[in-house]
C-alpha atoms as a PDB file:
ATOM      1  CA  UNK A   1      95.589  83.732 113.621  1.00  0.00           C
ATOM      2  CA  UNK A   2      94.836  87.404 113.024  1.00  0.00           C
ATOM      3  CA  UNK A   3      93.562  88.194 109.560  1.00  0.00           C
ATOM      4  CA  UNK A   4      96.414  89.151 107.263  1.00  0.00           C
ATOM      5  CA  UNK A   5      95.922  92.494 105.490  1.00  0.00           C
ATOM      6  CA  UNK A   6      95.862  92.696 101.728  1.00  0.00           C
ATOM      7  CA  UNK A   7      99.490  92.876 100.573  1.00  0.00           C
ATOM      8  CA  UNK A   8     100.611  95.471  98.050  1.00  0.00           C
ATOM      9  CA  UNK A   9     103.991  96.572  96.766  1.00  0.00           C
ATOM     10  CA  UNK A  10     105.628 100.003  96.988  1.00  0.00           C
ATOM     11  CA  UNK A  11     107.563 101.503  94.085  1.00  0.00           C
ATOM     12  CA  UNK A  12     108.928 105.042  93.904  1.00  0.00           C
ATOM     13  CA  UNK A  13     110.494 107.822  91.864  1.00  0.00           C
ATOM     14  CA  UNK A  14     113.968 106.592  92.718  1.00  0.00           C
ATOM     15  CA  UNK A  15     113.415 103.801  90.208  1.00  0.00           C
ATOM     16  CA  UNK A  16     113.462 104.252  86.439  1.00  0.00           C
ATOM     17  CA  UNK A  17     110.071 103.816  84.740  1.00  0.00           C
ATOM     18  CA  UNK A  18     110.784 100.623  82.784  1.00  0.00           C
ATOM     19  CA  UNK A  19     111.915  98.532  85.778  1.00  0.00           C
ATOM     20  CA  UNK A  20     108.994  99.921  87.778  1.00  0.00           C
ATOM     21  CA  UNK A  21     106.539  98.821  85.104  1.00  0.00           C
ATOM     22  CA  UNK A  22     108.106  95.354  84.972  1.00  0.00           C
ATOM     23  CA  UNK A  23     107.822  95.006  88.749  1.00  0.00           C
ATOM     24  CA  UNK A  24     104.201  96.140  88.687  1.00  0.00           C
ATOM     25  CA  UNK A  25     103.420  93.517  86.049  1.00  0.00           C
ATOM     26  CA  UNK A  26     105.161  90.874  88.179  1.00  0.00           C
ATOM     27  CA  UNK A  27     103.161  91.954  91.243  1.00  0.00           C
ATOM     28  CA  UNK A  28      99.989  91.534  89.208  1.00  0.00           C
ATOM     29  CA  UNK A  29     101.007  88.027  88.132  1.00  0.00           C
ATOM     30  CA  UNK A  30     101.996  86.950  91.637  1.00  0.00           C
ATOM     31  CA  UNK A  31      98.751  87.922  93.338  1.00  0.00           C
ATOM     32  CA  UNK A  32      99.626  91.179  95.078  1.00  0.00           C
ATOM     33  CA  UNK A  33      96.593  93.345  95.777  1.00  0.00           C
ATOM     34  CA  UNK A  34      98.075  96.687  94.785  1.00  0.00           C
ATOM     35  CA  UNK A  35     101.107  98.616  93.685  1.00  0.00           C
ATOM     36  CA  UNK A  36     101.675 102.114  95.063  1.00  0.00           C
ATOM     37  CA  UNK A  37     104.073 104.702  93.655  1.00  0.00           C
ATOM     38  CA  UNK A  38     105.722 107.135  96.083  1.00  0.00           C
ATOM     39  CA  UNK A  39     106.783 110.515  94.666  1.00  0.00           C
ATOM     40  CA  UNK A  40     109.016 113.157  96.235  1.00  0.00           C
ATOM     41  CA  UNK A  41     110.234 116.493  94.832  1.00  0.00           C
ATOM     42  CA  UNK A  42     113.393 116.395  92.705  1.00  0.00           C
ATOM     43  CA  UNK A  43     113.182 112.698  91.957  1.00  0.00           C
ATOM     44  CA  UNK A  44     111.400 111.182  88.974  1.00  0.00           C
ATOM     45  CA  UNK A  45     107.777 112.142  88.550  1.00  0.00           C
ATOM     46  CA  UNK A  46     105.857 108.875  88.825  1.00  0.00           C
ATOM     47  CA  UNK A  47     103.102 109.430  86.260  1.00  0.00           C
ATOM     48  CA  UNK A  48     105.006 107.828  83.339  1.00  0.00           C
ATOM     49  CA  UNK A  49     105.664 104.699  85.408  1.00  0.00           C
ATOM     50  CA  UNK A  50     102.138 104.666  86.830  1.00  0.00           C
ATOM     51  CA  UNK A  51     100.582 104.951  83.375  1.00  0.00           C
ATOM     52  CA  UNK A  52     102.823 102.189  82.069  1.00  0.00           C
ATOM     53  CA  UNK A  53     101.949 100.022  85.057  1.00  0.00           C
ATOM     54  CA  UNK A  54      98.239 100.485  84.396  1.00  0.00           C
ATOM     55  CA  UNK A  55      98.672  99.257  80.830  1.00  0.00           C
ATOM     56  CA  UNK A  56     100.949  96.375  81.837  1.00  0.00           C
ATOM     57  CA  UNK A  57      98.526  94.982  84.448  1.00  0.00           C
ATOM     58  CA  UNK A  58      95.018  93.581  84.389  1.00  0.00           C
ATOM     59  CA  UNK A  59      93.548  93.391  87.886  1.00  0.00           C
ATOM     60  CA  UNK A  60      95.832  95.061  90.431  1.00  0.00           C
ATOM     61  CA  UNK A  61      95.047  98.418  92.052  1.00  0.00           C
ATOM     62  CA  UNK A  62      97.561 101.081  90.983  1.00  0.00           C
ATOM     63  CA  UNK A  63      97.949 103.881  93.489  1.00  0.00           C
ATOM     64  CA  UNK A  64      99.810 107.159  93.853  1.00  0.00           C
ATOM     65  CA  UNK A  65     100.980 107.644  97.395  1.00  0.00           C
ATOM     66  CA  UNK A  66     101.444 110.472  97.674  1.00  0.00           C
ATOM     67  CA  UNK A  67     100.866 113.538  95.582  1.00  0.00           C
ATOM     68  CA  UNK A  68     101.342 116.834  97.406  1.00  0.00           C
ATOM     69  CA  UNK A  69      99.555 120.036  96.380  1.00  0.00           C
ATOM     70  CA  UNK A  70     102.787 122.030  96.237  1.00  0.00           C
ATOM     71  CA  UNK A  71     104.201 120.030  93.340  1.00  0.00           C
ATOM     72  CA  UNK A  72     100.819 120.017  91.631  1.00  0.00           C
ATOM     73  CA  UNK A  73      97.986 122.435  92.191  1.00  0.00           C
ATOM     74  CA  UNK A  74      94.875 120.571  93.380  1.00  0.00           C
ATOM     75  CA  UNK A  75      93.126 121.260  90.088  1.00  0.00           C
ATOM     76  CA  UNK A  76      95.968 119.518  88.225  1.00  0.00           C
ATOM     77  CA  UNK A  77      95.820 116.581  90.635  1.00  0.00           C
ATOM     78  CA  UNK A  78      92.126 116.177  89.846  1.00  0.00           C
ATOM     79  CA  UNK A  79      92.755 116.412  86.094  1.00  0.00           C
ATOM     80  CA  UNK A  80      95.507 113.797  86.190  1.00  0.00           C
ATOM     81  CA  UNK A  81      93.952 111.278  88.571  1.00  0.00           C
ATOM     82  CA  UNK A  82      90.678 111.406  86.680  1.00  0.00           C
ATOM     83  CA  UNK A  83      92.428 110.661  83.397  1.00  0.00           C
ATOM     84  CA  UNK A  84      94.555 107.956  85.037  1.00  0.00           C
ATOM     85  CA  UNK A  85      91.441 106.291  86.420  1.00  0.00           C
ATOM     86  CA  UNK A  86      89.950 106.277  82.920  1.00  0.00           C
ATOM     87  CA  UNK A  87      93.064 104.548  81.642  1.00  0.00           C
ATOM     88  CA  UNK A  88      92.968 102.098  84.560  1.00  0.00           C
ATOM     89  CA  UNK A  89      89.245 101.421  84.156  1.00  0.00           C
ATOM     90  CA  UNK A  90      88.614 102.172  87.808  1.00  0.00           C
ATOM     91  CA  UNK A  91      91.786 100.634  89.294  1.00  0.00           C
ATOM     92  CA  UNK A  92      93.571 103.890  90.185  1.00  0.00           C
ATOM     93  CA  UNK A  93      93.979 105.108  93.763  1.00  0.00           C
ATOM     94  CA  UNK A  94      95.047 108.464  95.182  1.00  0.00           C
ATOM     95  CA  UNK A  95      96.622 109.568  98.432  1.00  0.00           C
ATOM     96  CA  UNK A  96      97.337 113.208  99.263  1.00  0.00           C
ATOM     97  CA  UNK A  97      99.818 114.550 101.792  1.00  0.00           C
ATOM     98  CA  UNK A  98     101.759 117.669 102.626  1.00  0.00           C
ATOM     99  CA  UNK A  99     105.084 116.366 101.306  1.00  0.00           C
ATOM    100  CA  UNK A 100     108.571 116.780 102.757  1.00  0.00           C
ATOM    101  CA  UNK A 101     108.818 120.252 104.235  1.00  0.00           C
ATOM    102  CA  UNK A 102     112.441 121.092 103.472  1.00  0.00           C
ATOM    103  CA  UNK A 103     111.993 120.099  99.822  1.00  0.00           C
ATOM    104  CA  UNK A 104     108.894 122.239  99.513  1.00  0.00           C
ATOM    105  CA  UNK A 105     110.693 125.284 100.923  1.00  0.00           C
ATOM    106  CA  UNK A 106     113.610 124.711  98.523  1.00  0.00           C
ATOM    107  CA  UNK A 107     111.096 125.303  95.738  1.00  0.00           C
ATOM    108  CA  UNK A 108     110.582 128.791  97.168  1.00  0.00           C
ATOM    109  CA  UNK A 109     107.180 127.931  98.618  1.00  0.00           C
ATOM    110  CA  UNK A 110     105.825 128.476 102.099  1.00  0.00           C
ATOM    111  CA  UNK A 111     105.360 125.411 104.291  1.00  0.00           C
ATOM    112  CA  UNK A 112     103.785 127.318 107.163  1.00  0.00           C
ATOM    113  CA  UNK A 113     100.368 125.672 106.887  1.00  0.00           C
ATOM    114  CA  UNK A 114     100.825 122.122 105.557  1.00  0.00           C
ATOM    115  CA  UNK A 115      97.625 120.754 107.097  1.00  0.00           C
ATOM    116  CA  UNK A 116      95.577 123.562 105.626  1.00  0.00           C
ATOM    117  CA  UNK A 117      97.141 122.810 102.247  1.00  0.00           C
ATOM    118  CA  UNK A 118      96.028 119.182 102.489  1.00  0.00           C
ATOM    119  CA  UNK A 119      92.530 120.167 103.612  1.00  0.00           C
ATOM    120  CA  UNK A 120      92.207 122.572 100.689  1.00  0.00           C
ATOM    121  CA  UNK A 121      93.513 119.989  98.222  1.00  0.00           C
ATOM    122  CA  UNK A 122      91.142 117.247  99.364  1.00  0.00           C
ATOM    123  CA  UNK A 123      88.125 119.547  99.148  1.00  0.00           C
ATOM    124  CA  UNK A 124      89.029 120.842  95.690  1.00  0.00           C
ATOM    125  CA  UNK A 125      89.951 117.454  94.222  1.00  0.00           C
ATOM    126  CA  UNK A 126      86.872 115.756  95.655  1.00  0.00           C
ATOM    127  CA  UNK A 127      84.511 118.375  94.287  1.00  0.00           C
ATOM    128  CA  UNK A 128      86.071 118.279  90.835  1.00  0.00           C
ATOM    129  CA  UNK A 129      86.009 114.474  90.731  1.00  0.00           C
ATOM    130  CA  UNK A 130      82.277 114.643  91.449  1.00  0.00           C
ATOM    131  CA  UNK A 131      81.851 116.804  88.357  1.00  0.00           C
ATOM    132  CA  UNK A 132      80.854 119.822  90.415  1.00  0.00           C
ATOM    133  CA  UNK A 133      81.577 123.455  89.657  1.00  0.00           C
ATOM    134  CA  UNK A 134      83.883 124.228  92.552  1.00  0.00           C
ATOM    135  CA  UNK A 135      84.340 127.598  94.202  1.00  0.00           C
ATOM    136  CA  UNK A 136      86.438 127.233  97.299  1.00  0.00           C
ATOM    137  CA  UNK A 137      88.190 129.785  99.475  1.00  0.00           C
ATOM    138  CA  UNK A 138      90.969 128.035 101.328  1.00  0.00           C
ATOM    139  CA  UNK A 139      93.810 129.038 103.586  1.00  0.00           C
ATOM    140  CA  UNK A 140      96.467 127.960 101.084  1.00  0.00           C
ATOM    141  CA  UNK A 141      94.636 127.051  97.859  1.00  0.00           C
ATOM    142  CA  UNK A 142      91.525 128.658  96.412  1.00  0.00           C
ATOM    143  CA  UNK A 143      89.585 128.182  93.186  1.00  0.00           C
ATOM    144  CA  UNK A 144      86.730 129.973  91.484  1.00  0.00           C
ATOM    145  CA  UNK A 145      84.159 128.187  89.300  1.00  0.00           C
ATOM    146  CA  UNK A 146      86.422 125.327  88.236  1.00  0.00           C
ATOM    147  CA  UNK A 147      84.866 122.269  86.635  1.00  0.00           C
ATOM    148  CA  UNK A 148      86.179 119.266  84.770  1.00  0.00           C
ATOM    149  CA  UNK A 149      85.565 119.428  81.031  1.00  0.00           C
ATOM    150  CA  UNK A 150      85.137 115.666  80.943  1.00  0.00           C
ATOM    151  CA  UNK A 151      83.162 113.289  83.133  1.00  0.00           C
ATOM    152  CA  UNK A 152      85.390 111.583  85.722  1.00  0.00           C
ATOM    153  CA  UNK A 153      84.719 107.844  85.726  1.00  0.00           C
ATOM    154  CA  UNK A 154      84.335 107.512  89.519  1.00  0.00           C
ATOM    155  CA  UNK A 155      82.703 110.545  91.164  1.00  0.00           C
ATOM    156  CA  UNK A 156      83.086 108.891  94.585  1.00  0.00           C
ATOM    157  CA  UNK A 157      86.713 107.860  94.113  1.00  0.00           C
ATOM    158  CA  UNK A 158      88.257 107.519  97.589  1.00  0.00           C
ATOM    159  CA  UNK A 159      90.940 110.005  98.608  1.00  0.00           C
ATOM    160  CA  UNK A 160      93.432 108.709 101.147  1.00  0.00           C
ATOM    161  CA  UNK A 161      95.294 111.149 103.371  1.00  0.00           C
ATOM    162  CA  UNK A 162      98.897 110.551 104.410  1.00  0.00           C
ATOM    163  CA  UNK A 163      99.377 111.451 108.066  1.00  0.00           C
ATOM    164  CA  UNK A 164     101.904 111.032 110.867  1.00  0.00           C
ATOM    165  CA  UNK A 165     101.419 113.655 113.598  1.00  0.00           C
ATOM    166  CA  UNK A 166      98.290 113.927 115.705  1.00  0.00           C
ATOM    167  CA  UNK A 167      96.923 116.995 113.940  1.00  0.00           C
ATOM    168  CA  UNK A 168      97.282 115.339 110.550  1.00  0.00           C
ATOM    169  CA  UNK A 169      95.642 112.168 111.851  1.00  0.00           C
ATOM    170  CA  UNK A 170      92.690 114.157 113.188  1.00  0.00           C
ATOM    171  CA  UNK A 171      92.405 115.916 109.830  1.00  0.00           C
ATOM    172  CA  UNK A 172      92.302 112.559 108.061  1.00  0.00           C
ATOM    173  CA  UNK A 173      89.563 111.461 110.439  1.00  0.00           C
ATOM    174  CA  UNK A 174      87.589 114.576 109.506  1.00  0.00           C
ATOM    175  CA  UNK A 175      87.950 114.528 105.723  1.00  0.00           C
ATOM    176  CA  UNK A 176      89.764 111.405 104.482  1.00  0.00           C
ATOM    177  CA  UNK A 177      88.335 108.284 102.922  1.00  0.00           C
ATOM    178  CA  UNK A 178      91.320 106.305 104.156  1.00  0.00           C
ATOM    179  CA  UNK A 179      94.627 106.717 105.979  1.00  0.00           C
ATOM    180  CA  UNK A 180      98.111 106.185 104.561  1.00  0.00           C
ATOM    181  CA  UNK A 181     100.988 105.568 106.991  1.00  0.00           C
ATOM    182  CA  UNK A 182     104.651 105.938 106.053  1.00  0.00           C
ATOM    183  CA  UNK A 183     107.555 103.543 106.404  1.00  0.00           C
ATOM    184  CA  UNK A 184     109.338 103.387 109.785  1.00  0.00           C
ATOM    185  CA  UNK A 185     106.160 103.365 111.855  1.00  0.00           C
ATOM    186  CA  UNK A 186     105.834 100.297 114.117  1.00  0.00           C
ATOM    187  CA  UNK A 187     102.504  98.545 114.754  1.00  0.00           C
ATOM    188  CA  UNK A 188     102.233 100.222 118.160  1.00  0.00           C
ATOM    189  CA  UNK A 189     102.239 103.596 116.430  1.00  0.00           C
ATOM    190  CA  UNK A 190      99.446 102.475 114.113  1.00  0.00           C
ATOM    191  CA  UNK A 191      97.279 101.309 116.986  1.00  0.00           C
ATOM    192  CA  UNK A 192      97.567 104.706 118.654  1.00  0.00           C
ATOM    193  CA  UNK A 193      97.150 106.532 115.321  1.00  0.00           C
ATOM    194  CA  UNK A 194      93.746 104.972 114.785  1.00  0.00           C
ATOM    195  CA  UNK A 195      92.628 106.225 118.188  1.00  0.00           C
ATOM    196  CA  UNK A 196      93.585 109.766 117.157  1.00  0.00           C
ATOM    197  CA  UNK A 197      91.929 109.226 113.773  1.00  0.00           C
ATOM    198  CA  UNK A 198      88.731 108.341 115.633  1.00  0.00           C
ATOM    199  CA  UNK A 199      88.930 111.643 117.533  1.00  0.00           C
ATOM    200  CA  UNK A 200      88.935 113.535 114.250  1.00  0.00           C
ATOM    201  CA  UNK A 201      86.037 111.515 112.889  1.00  0.00           C
ATOM    202  CA  UNK A 202      84.021 112.059 116.066  1.00  0.00           C
ATOM    203  CA  UNK A 203      84.607 115.808 115.852  1.00  0.00           C
ATOM    204  CA  UNK A 204      83.305 115.812 112.280  1.00  0.00           C
ATOM    205  CA  UNK A 205      80.342 113.591 113.175  1.00  0.00           C
ATOM    206  CA  UNK A 206      81.297 110.902 110.670  1.00  0.00           C
ATOM    207  CA  UNK A 207      82.469 107.283 110.815  1.00  0.00           C
ATOM    208  CA  UNK A 208      86.198 106.659 111.124  1.00  0.00           C
ATOM    209  CA  UNK A 209      87.803 105.875 107.758  1.00  0.00           C
ATOM    210  CA  UNK A 210      88.147 102.093 107.660  1.00  0.00           C
ATOM    211  CA  UNK A 211      90.847 101.739 105.005  1.00  0.00           C
ATOM    212  CA  UNK A 212      94.343 101.900 106.491  1.00  0.00           C
ATOM    213  CA  UNK A 213      97.265 101.552 104.076  1.00  0.00           C
ATOM    214  CA  UNK A 214     100.725 101.220 105.623  1.00  0.00           C
ATOM    215  CA  UNK A 215     104.146 101.045 104.025  1.00  0.00           C
ATOM    216  CA  UNK A 216     106.625  98.594 105.537  1.00  0.00           C
ATOM    217  CA  UNK A 217     110.051  97.227 104.623  1.00  0.00           C
ATOM    218  CA  UNK A 218     110.108  93.572 103.617  1.00  0.00           C
ATOM    219  CA  UNK A 219     112.672  90.899 102.890  1.00  0.00           C
ATOM    220  CA  UNK A 220     111.666  87.317 102.172  1.00  0.00           C
ATOM    221  CA  UNK A 221     114.082  84.458 101.645  1.00  0.00           C
ATOM    222  CA  UNK A 222     114.147  80.732 102.266  1.00  0.00           C
ATOM    223  CA  UNK A 223     117.102  81.543 104.523  1.00  0.00           C
ATOM    224  CA  UNK A 224     115.661  83.513 107.437  1.00  0.00           C
ATOM    225  CA  UNK A 225     119.018  84.921 108.527  1.00  0.00           C
ATOM    226  CA  UNK A 226     119.785  86.299 105.061  1.00  0.00           C
ATOM    227  CA  UNK A 227     116.401  88.013 104.863  1.00  0.00           C
ATOM    228  CA  UNK A 228     116.748  89.674 108.243  1.00  0.00           C
ATOM    229  CA  UNK A 229     120.329  90.733 107.497  1.00  0.00           C
ATOM    230  CA  UNK A 230     119.141  92.410 104.282  1.00  0.00           C
ATOM    231  CA  UNK A 231     116.432  94.378 106.019  1.00  0.00           C
ATOM    232  CA  UNK A 232     118.771  95.440 108.851  1.00  0.00           C
ATOM    233  CA  UNK A 233     120.950  97.096 106.231  1.00  0.00           C
ATOM    234  CA  UNK A 234     118.010  99.090 104.868  1.00  0.00           C
ATOM    235  CA  UNK A 235     116.748 100.047 108.324  1.00  0.00           C
ATOM    236  CA  UNK A 236     120.257 101.298 109.120  1.00  0.00           C
ATOM    237  CA  UNK A 237     120.128 103.578 106.080  1.00  0.00           C
ATOM    238  CA  UNK A 238     116.696 104.966 106.940  1.00  0.00           C
ATOM    239  CA  UNK A 239     116.846 105.391 110.719  1.00  0.00           C
ATOM    240  CA  UNK A 240     119.385 108.253 110.810  1.00  0.00           C
ATOM    241  CA  UNK A 241     117.662 110.044 107.930  1.00  0.00           C
ATOM    242  CA  UNK A 242     114.251 109.899 109.589  1.00  0.00           C
ATOM    243  CA  UNK A 243     115.771 110.877 112.931  1.00  0.00           C
ATOM    244  CA  UNK A 244     117.365 113.950 111.347  1.00  0.00           C
ATOM    245  CA  UNK A 245     114.061 114.885 109.739  1.00  0.00           C
ATOM    246  CA  UNK A 246     112.493 114.622 113.168  1.00  0.00           C
ATOM    247  CA  UNK A 247     114.740 117.411 114.455  1.00  0.00           C
ATOM    248  CA  UNK A 248     112.439 119.817 112.587  1.00  0.00           C
ATOM    249  CA  UNK A 249     109.231 117.776 112.751  1.00  0.00           C
ATOM    250  CA  UNK A 250     109.045 116.053 116.156  1.00  0.00           C
ATOM    251  CA  UNK A 251     106.061 113.969 115.051  1.00  0.00           C
ATOM    252  CA  UNK A 252     108.449 111.949 112.883  1.00  0.00           C
ATOM    253  CA  UNK A 253     110.568 110.940 115.868  1.00  0.00           C
ATOM    254  CA  UNK A 254     107.580 110.199 118.037  1.00  0.00           C
ATOM    255  CA  UNK A 255     106.101 107.977 115.320  1.00  0.00           C
ATOM    256  CA  UNK A 256     109.368 106.078 114.998  1.00  0.00           C
ATOM    257  CA  UNK A 257     110.225 105.246 118.575  1.00  0.00           C
ATOM    258  CA  UNK A 258     107.305 106.266 120.803  1.00  0.00           C
ATOM    259  CA  UNK A 259     105.518 102.937 120.420  1.00  0.00           C
ATOM    260  CA  UNK A 260     108.419 100.821 119.172  1.00  0.00           C
ATOM    261  CA  UNK A 261     109.042  99.131 122.492  1.00  0.00           C
ATOM    262  CA  UNK A 262     112.652 100.329 122.347  1.00  0.00           C
ATOM    263  CA  UNK A 263     113.678 102.748 125.143  1.00  0.00           C
ATOM    264  CA  UNK A 264     114.651 106.175 123.827  1.00  0.00           C
ATOM    265  CA  UNK A 265     118.187 106.004 125.213  1.00  0.00           C
ATOM    266  CA  UNK A 266     118.826 102.701 123.429  1.00  0.00           C
ATOM    267  CA  UNK A 267     117.225 104.037 120.282  1.00  0.00           C
ATOM    268  CA  UNK A 268     119.416 107.146 120.237  1.00  0.00           C
ATOM    269  CA  UNK A 269     122.514 105.093 121.041  1.00  0.00           C
ATOM    270  CA  UNK A 270     121.825 102.820 118.085  1.00  0.00           C
ATOM    271  CA  UNK A 271     121.507 105.790 115.725  1.00  0.00           C
ATOM    272  CA  UNK A 272     124.753 107.288 117.002  1.00  0.00           C
ATOM    273  CA  UNK A 273     126.533 103.973 116.474  1.00  0.00           C
ATOM    274  CA  UNK A 274     125.189 103.726 112.930  1.00  0.00           C
ATOM    275  CA  UNK A 275     126.287 107.294 112.208  1.00  0.00           C
ATOM    276  CA  UNK A 276     129.745 106.345 113.485  1.00  0.00           C
ATOM    277  CA  UNK A 277     129.920 103.587 110.879  1.00  0.00           C
ATOM    278  CA  UNK A 278     129.295 100.512 113.025  1.00  0.00           C
ATOM    279  CA  UNK A 279     127.948  97.353 111.407  1.00  0.00           C
ATOM    280  CA  UNK A 280     124.109  97.333 111.288  1.00  0.00           C
ATOM    281  CA  UNK A 281     124.146  93.589 111.870  1.00  0.00           C
ATOM    282  CA  UNK A 282     125.673  94.223 115.291  1.00  0.00           C
ATOM    283  CA  UNK A 283     123.884  97.456 116.189  1.00  0.00           C
ATOM    284  CA  UNK A 284     120.305  96.518 115.267  1.00  0.00           C
ATOM    285  CA  UNK A 285     118.804  93.660 117.237  1.00  0.00           C
ATOM    286  CA  UNK A 286     115.549  91.867 116.454  1.00  0.00           C
ATOM    287  CA  UNK A 287     113.479  94.598 118.109  1.00  0.00           C
ATOM    288  CA  UNK A 288     114.357  96.976 115.263  1.00  0.00           C
ATOM    289  CA  UNK A 289     113.589  94.399 112.588  1.00  0.00           C
ATOM    290  CA  UNK A 290     110.215  93.518 114.103  1.00  0.00           C
ATOM    291  CA  UNK A 291     109.279  97.183 114.593  1.00  0.00           C
ATOM    292  CA  UNK A 292     110.035  98.374 111.077  1.00  0.00           C
ATOM    293  CA  UNK A 293     109.866  95.365 108.787  1.00  0.00           C
ATOM    294  CA  UNK A 294     108.452  91.986 108.018  1.00  0.00           C
ATOM    295  CA  UNK A 295     111.381  89.719 107.256  1.00  0.00           C
ATOM    296  CA  UNK A 296     112.413  86.086 107.077  1.00  0.00           C
ATOM    297  CA  UNK A 297     110.791  83.074 105.477  1.00  0.00           C
ATOM    298  CA  UNK A 298     107.354  83.276 103.907  1.00  0.00           C
ATOM    299  CA  UNK A 299     105.873  82.087 107.190  1.00  0.00           C
ATOM    300  CA  UNK A 300     107.820  84.767 109.091  1.00  0.00           C
ATOM    301  CA  UNK A 301     106.537  87.461 106.737  1.00  0.00           C
ATOM    302  CA  UNK A 302     102.943  86.300 107.099  1.00  0.00           C
ATOM    303  CA  UNK A 303     103.320  86.391 110.879  1.00  0.00           C
ATOM    304  CA  UNK A 304     104.785  89.885 110.577  1.00  0.00           C
ATOM    305  CA  UNK A 305     101.893  90.986 108.376  1.00  0.00           C
ATOM    306  CA  UNK A 306      99.479  89.605 110.959  1.00  0.00           C
ATOM    307  CA  UNK A 307     100.997  91.949 113.568  1.00  0.00           C
ATOM    308  CA  UNK A 308      99.845  94.845 111.422  1.00  0.00           C
ATOM    309  CA  UNK A 309      96.495  93.185 110.797  1.00  0.00           C
ATOM    310  CA  UNK A 310      96.043  92.970 114.554  1.00  0.00           C
ATOM    311  CA  UNK A 311      96.115  96.789 114.764  1.00  0.00           C
ATOM    312  CA  UNK A 312      93.592  97.109 111.896  1.00  0.00           C
ATOM    313  CA  UNK A 313      95.861  97.787 108.934  1.00  0.00           C
ATOM    314  CA  UNK A 314      93.752  96.774 105.936  1.00  0.00           C
ATOM    315  CA  UNK A 315      96.468  97.010 103.258  1.00  0.00           C
ATOM    316  CA  UNK A 316     100.159  96.440 103.975  1.00  0.00           C
ATOM    317  CA  UNK A 317     102.340  97.780 101.165  1.00  0.00           C
ATOM    318  CA  UNK A 318     105.817  96.263 101.182  1.00  0.00           C
ATOM    319  CA  UNK A 319     109.096  97.710  99.966  1.00  0.00           C
ATOM    320  CA  UNK A 320     111.083  94.648  98.900  1.00  0.00           C
ATOM    321  CA  UNK A 321     114.727  95.224  99.804  1.00  0.00           C
ATOM    322  CA  UNK A 322     116.355  92.110  98.366  1.00  0.00           C
ATOM    323  CA  UNK A 323     118.654  92.248  95.351  1.00  0.00           C
ATOM    324  CA  UNK A 324     116.106  90.504  93.103  1.00  0.00           C
ATOM    325  CA  UNK A 325     112.575  91.673  94.014  1.00  0.00           C
ATOM    326  CA  UNK A 326     110.983  89.334  91.488  1.00  0.00           C
ATOM    327  CA  UNK A 327     112.441  86.350  93.348  1.00  0.00           C
ATOM    328  CA  UNK A 328     110.907  87.648  96.566  1.00  0.00           C
ATOM    329  CA  UNK A 329     107.562  88.148  94.829  1.00  0.00           C
ATOM    330  CA  UNK A 330     107.678  84.597  93.493  1.00  0.00           C
ATOM    331  CA  UNK A 331     108.228  83.280  97.028  1.00  0.00           C
ATOM    332  CA  UNK A 332     105.553  85.394  98.680  1.00  0.00           C
ATOM    333  CA  UNK A 333     102.983  85.336  95.874  1.00  0.00           C
ATOM    334  CA  UNK A 334     101.505  81.857  96.376  1.00  0.00           C
ATOM    335  CA  UNK A 335     100.771  82.682 100.003  1.00  0.00           C
ATOM    336  CA  UNK A 336      98.939  85.882  99.007  1.00  0.00           C
ATOM    337  CA  UNK A 337      96.459  84.497  96.560  1.00  0.00           C
ATOM    338  CA  UNK A 338      93.911  83.422  99.185  1.00  0.00           C
ATOM    339  CA  UNK A 339      94.028  87.006 100.510  1.00  0.00           C
ATOM    340  CA  UNK A 340      93.969  88.866  97.196  1.00  0.00           C
END
């Protein structure tokens, strides 16, 4: 059997801080490898929940995935992640990305050069985390003689880069310490993404980043049918939204269906049926579940995780979609401990 990636859990700014902290503590108890907090503009900032999660846990990695440099200037990102890593005693993790374009522009900011913004942010944050005096002239962000006024605990702290389109993947290969892949990307996408990542690394004359963190929907239940029905409902909510986003950013659509194994005409027909209000349990067959989720019994979920391990995902971060996530964690946890 293919090696199963480390299994983490995804939380996000759509959740209030206290429940997030409780779930992080439960993930720590049940043997999950990590907990990652997703943040988007206009929802809750995740730092209160992340800080609480650090204090409520003992061993688990606590990551931010992702910060974008539009919400926070790169110098502020460095200040905050350095302090968070002090609090976490070296358990903090950081991923940077360009964010959601239409939300950035609603803040009155230009989104004309998102890749340049990420490149600038990585270079500035990395230099500051090393304790260097950083002068950097970037395309989007520049700094002059900035230096931390405290000593960051991990000068070589890895910086993951969130990427979806080919240009972003090549950029990650050039400058990232690891890759972060969003929800709604099937294993076939990931396999191709790592080939593009290698192109970027080759161009920069460096090894390809080995750490690959991927978000995926998850539902685990002793009743396989109930688990898969639950995840179909969530996929049905996300598919049209991602498809609409892809109207402006074609890379989103290509990532979703290009390597899903589902013909485009069937894919589009399914979205149209969902938009018309049809029942997800009828519209979405097993191909959609297997492309975008791991779902079913514990054994089913481990087999699903192995599909991602087979394409070299090193850390699979699950969004638990059941009504009681702690019950799902209790089911899955004992199977994770040998891999944690």
